[in-house]
């Protein structure tokens, strides 16, 4: 029996295979769910290709970690309740924001929002 066949029948291989399948399934789920989190008005603004101001709505009050994580997508303008407002968000980053599992919605920023 070859080394590869022995490895393929081992518990370690099965464990790695299950982890790989779960990781791919999770990423596929996040990718399929992301477009539904983006506000239609924001989706139209993304098409223009200009840096955007967005409001990222969370299902809970954000903590420091969430603000720091979202800083990699744009500059934090402020936090208002369950919403973190960002400016200078690149259009391609809107989709990436929506793929974050703890983000509920990504909307166009409105002046009255914070």
C-alpha atoms as a PDB file:
ATOM      1  CA  UNK A   1       0.000   0.000   0.000  1.00  0.00           C
ATOM      2  CA  UNK A   2       1.397   3.389  -0.937  1.00  0.00           C
ATOM      3  CA  UNK A   3       1.968   6.148   1.546  1.00  0.00           C
ATOM      4  CA  UNK A   4      -0.782   8.301   0.007  1.00  0.00           C
ATOM      5  CA  UNK A   5      -3.388   5.538   0.263  1.00  0.00           C
ATOM      6  CA  UNK A   6      -2.515   4.951   3.895  1.00  0.00           C
ATOM      7  CA  UNK A   7      -2.828   8.666   4.576  1.00  0.00           C
ATOM      8  CA  UNK A   8      -6.132   8.866   2.661  1.00  0.00           C
ATOM      9  CA  UNK A   9      -7.603   6.178   4.926  1.00  0.00           C
ATOM     10  CA  UNK A  10      -6.373   7.779   8.125  1.00  0.00           C
ATOM     11  CA  UNK A  11      -8.414   9.713  10.652  1.00  0.00           C
ATOM     12  CA  UNK A  12      -6.223  12.776  10.129  1.00  0.00           C
ATOM     13  CA  UNK A  13      -7.088  12.875   6.419  1.00  0.00           C
ATOM     14  CA  UNK A  14     -10.805  12.524   7.120  1.00  0.00           C
ATOM     15  CA  UNK A  15     -10.629  15.274   9.718  1.00  0.00           C
ATOM     16  CA  UNK A  16      -8.831  17.599   7.312  1.00  0.00           C
ATOM     17  CA  UNK A  17     -11.324  16.763   4.555  1.00  0.00           C
ATOM     18  CA  UNK A  18     -14.292  17.572   6.810  1.00  0.00           C
ATOM     19  CA  UNK A  19     -12.703  20.860   7.918  1.00  0.00           C
ATOM     20  CA  UNK A  20     -12.011  21.799   4.295  1.00  0.00           C
ATOM     21  CA  UNK A  21     -15.589  21.013   3.223  1.00  0.00           C
ATOM     22  CA  UNK A  22     -17.003  23.020   6.143  1.00  0.00           C
ATOM     23  CA  UNK A  23     -14.749  26.000   5.367  1.00  0.00           C
ATOM     24  CA  UNK A  24     -15.756  25.995   1.700  1.00  0.00           C
ATOM     25  CA  UNK A  25     -19.447  25.663   2.612  1.00  0.00           C
ATOM     26  CA  UNK A  26     -19.205  28.536   5.128  1.00  0.00           C
ATOM     27  CA  UNK A  27     -17.525  30.836   2.591  1.00  0.00           C
ATOM     28  CA  UNK A  28     -20.082  29.893  -0.060  1.00  0.00           C
ATOM     29  CA  UNK A  29     -22.893  30.659   2.381  1.00  0.00           C
ATOM     30  CA  UNK A  30     -21.401  34.070   3.212  1.00  0.00           C
ATOM     31  CA  UNK A  31     -20.918  34.869  -0.481  1.00  0.00           C
ATOM     32  CA  UNK A  32     -24.496  33.929  -1.359  1.00  0.00           C
ATOM     33  CA  UNK A  33     -25.939  35.869   1.566  1.00  0.00           C
ATOM     34  CA  UNK A  34     -23.886  39.061   1.039  1.00  0.00           C
ATOM     35  CA  UNK A  35     -25.846  40.657  -1.855  1.00  0.00           C
ATOM     36  CA  UNK A  36     -29.029  40.599   0.227  1.00  0.00           C
ATOM     37  CA  UNK A  37     -27.337  42.635   2.961  1.00  0.00           C
ATOM     38  CA  UNK A  38     -26.477  45.540   0.631  1.00  0.00           C
ATOM     39  CA  UNK A  39     -29.047  48.342   0.383  1.00  0.00           C
ATOM     40  CA  UNK A  40     -30.246  48.802  -3.252  1.00  0.00           C
ATOM     41  CA  UNK A  41     -29.418  52.532  -3.125  1.00  0.00           C
ATOM     42  CA  UNK A  42     -25.878  51.684  -2.071  1.00  0.00           C
ATOM     43  CA  UNK A  43     -25.590  49.039  -4.787  1.00  0.00           C
ATOM     44  CA  UNK A  44     -26.425  51.726  -7.363  1.00  0.00           C
ATOM     45  CA  UNK A  45     -23.800  54.068  -5.868  1.00  0.00           C
ATOM     46  CA  UNK A  46     -21.171  51.312  -6.049  1.00  0.00           C
ATOM     47  CA  UNK A  47     -21.585  51.243  -9.835  1.00  0.00           C
ATOM     48  CA  UNK A  48     -20.300  54.834 -10.058  1.00  0.00           C
ATOM     49  CA  UNK A  49     -16.864  53.781  -8.767  1.00  0.00           C
ATOM     50  CA  UNK A  50     -16.399  56.678  -6.329  1.00  0.00           C
ATOM     51  CA  UNK A  51     -15.363  56.276  -2.665  1.00  0.00           C
ATOM     52  CA  UNK A  52     -18.477  55.957  -0.539  1.00  0.00           C
ATOM     53  CA  UNK A  53     -19.862  56.752   2.874  1.00  0.00           C
ATOM     54  CA  UNK A  54     -21.639  53.746   4.305  1.00  0.00           C
ATOM     55  CA  UNK A  55     -23.459  52.739   7.458  1.00  0.00           C
ATOM     56  CA  UNK A  56     -22.761  49.223   8.675  1.00  0.00           C
ATOM     57  CA  UNK A  57     -25.628  47.944  10.822  1.00  0.00           C
ATOM     58  CA  UNK A  58     -24.868  45.233  13.372  1.00  0.00           C
ATOM     59  CA  UNK A  59     -27.406  43.131  15.311  1.00  0.00           C
ATOM     60  CA  UNK A  60     -25.773  44.268  18.570  1.00  0.00           C
ATOM     61  CA  UNK A  61     -23.973  47.325  19.956  1.00  0.00           C
ATOM     62  CA  UNK A  62     -20.471  47.356  18.445  1.00  0.00           C
ATOM     63  CA  UNK A  63     -17.418  47.004  20.626  1.00  0.00           C
ATOM     64  CA  UNK A  64     -13.885  48.256  20.028  1.00  0.00           C
ATOM     65  CA  UNK A  65     -12.974  45.112  18.070  1.00  0.00           C
ATOM     66  CA  UNK A  66     -15.724  45.746  15.515  1.00  0.00           C
ATOM     67  CA  UNK A  67     -14.667  49.348  14.946  1.00  0.00           C
ATOM     68  CA  UNK A  68     -11.023  48.319  14.548  1.00  0.00           C
ATOM     69  CA  UNK A  69     -11.943  45.536  12.119  1.00  0.00           C
ATOM     70  CA  UNK A  70     -14.055  47.868   9.979  1.00  0.00           C
ATOM     71  CA  UNK A  71     -11.225  50.422   9.827  1.00  0.00           C
ATOM     72  CA  UNK A  72      -9.582  48.193   7.241  1.00  0.00           C
ATOM     73  CA  UNK A  73     -12.487  49.042   4.874  1.00  0.00           C
ATOM     74  CA  UNK A  74     -12.756  52.788   5.517  1.00  0.00           C
ATOM     75  CA  UNK A  75     -12.356  55.540   8.086  1.00  0.00           C
ATOM     76  CA  UNK A  76     -14.725  55.316  11.046  1.00  0.00           C
ATOM     77  CA  UNK A  77     -16.795  58.502  11.318  1.00  0.00           C
ATOM     78  CA  UNK A  78     -18.638  57.415  14.405  1.00  0.00           C
ATOM     79  CA  UNK A  79     -20.893  54.908  16.090  1.00  0.00           C
ATOM     80  CA  UNK A  80     -24.621  55.463  16.505  1.00  0.00           C
ATOM     81  CA  UNK A  81     -26.355  52.710  18.460  1.00  0.00           C
ATOM     82  CA  UNK A  82     -25.911  49.504  16.471  1.00  0.00           C
ATOM     83  CA  UNK A  83     -24.457  51.308  13.444  1.00  0.00           C
ATOM     84  CA  UNK A  84     -20.856  52.118  12.532  1.00  0.00           C
ATOM     85  CA  UNK A  85     -20.514  54.896   9.946  1.00  0.00           C
ATOM     86  CA  UNK A  86     -17.573  54.727   7.550  1.00  0.00           C
ATOM     87  CA  UNK A  87     -16.223  57.128   4.954  1.00  0.00           C
ATOM     88  CA  UNK A  88     -13.804  56.629   2.058  1.00  0.00           C
ATOM     89  CA  UNK A  89     -14.972  53.059   1.477  1.00  0.00           C
ATOM     90  CA  UNK A  90     -13.799  51.694  -1.858  1.00  0.00           C
ATOM     91  CA  UNK A  91     -16.671  50.340  -4.001  1.00  0.00           C
ATOM     92  CA  UNK A  92     -15.156  46.841  -4.072  1.00  0.00           C
ATOM     93  CA  UNK A  93     -15.063  46.846  -0.264  1.00  0.00           C
ATOM     94  CA  UNK A  94     -18.848  47.091   0.058  1.00  0.00           C
ATOM     95  CA  UNK A  95     -19.215  43.468  -0.975  1.00  0.00           C
ATOM     96  CA  UNK A  96     -16.451  42.435   1.428  1.00  0.00           C
ATOM     97  CA  UNK A  97     -18.223  44.259   4.265  1.00  0.00           C
ATOM     98  CA  UNK A  98     -21.439  42.394   3.519  1.00  0.00           C
ATOM     99  CA  UNK A  99     -19.610  39.056   3.683  1.00  0.00           C
ATOM    100  CA  UNK A 100     -18.653  39.575   7.339  1.00  0.00           C
ATOM    101  CA  UNK A 101     -20.939  37.226   9.251  1.00  0.00           C
ATOM    102  CA  UNK A 102     -21.709  39.636  12.090  1.00  0.00           C
ATOM    103  CA  UNK A 103     -22.813  42.436   9.751  1.00  0.00           C
ATOM    104  CA  UNK A 104     -26.586  42.659   9.418  1.00  0.00           C
ATOM    105  CA  UNK A 105     -26.858  45.329   6.675  1.00  0.00           C
ATOM    106  CA  UNK A 106     -24.709  47.750   4.695  1.00  0.00           C
ATOM    107  CA  UNK A 107     -26.517  50.954   3.783  1.00  0.00           C
ATOM    108  CA  UNK A 108     -25.747  54.293   2.197  1.00  0.00           C
ATOM    109  CA  UNK A 109     -24.835  56.826   4.870  1.00  0.00           C
ATOM    110  CA  UNK A 110     -27.424  59.501   5.554  1.00  0.00           C
ATOM    111  CA  UNK A 111     -26.594  62.781   7.271  1.00  0.00           C
ATOM    112  CA  UNK A 112     -29.168  62.218  10.032  1.00  0.00           C
ATOM    113  CA  UNK A 113     -27.566  58.876  10.958  1.00  0.00           C
ATOM    114  CA  UNK A 114     -24.821  60.224  13.125  1.00  0.00           C
END
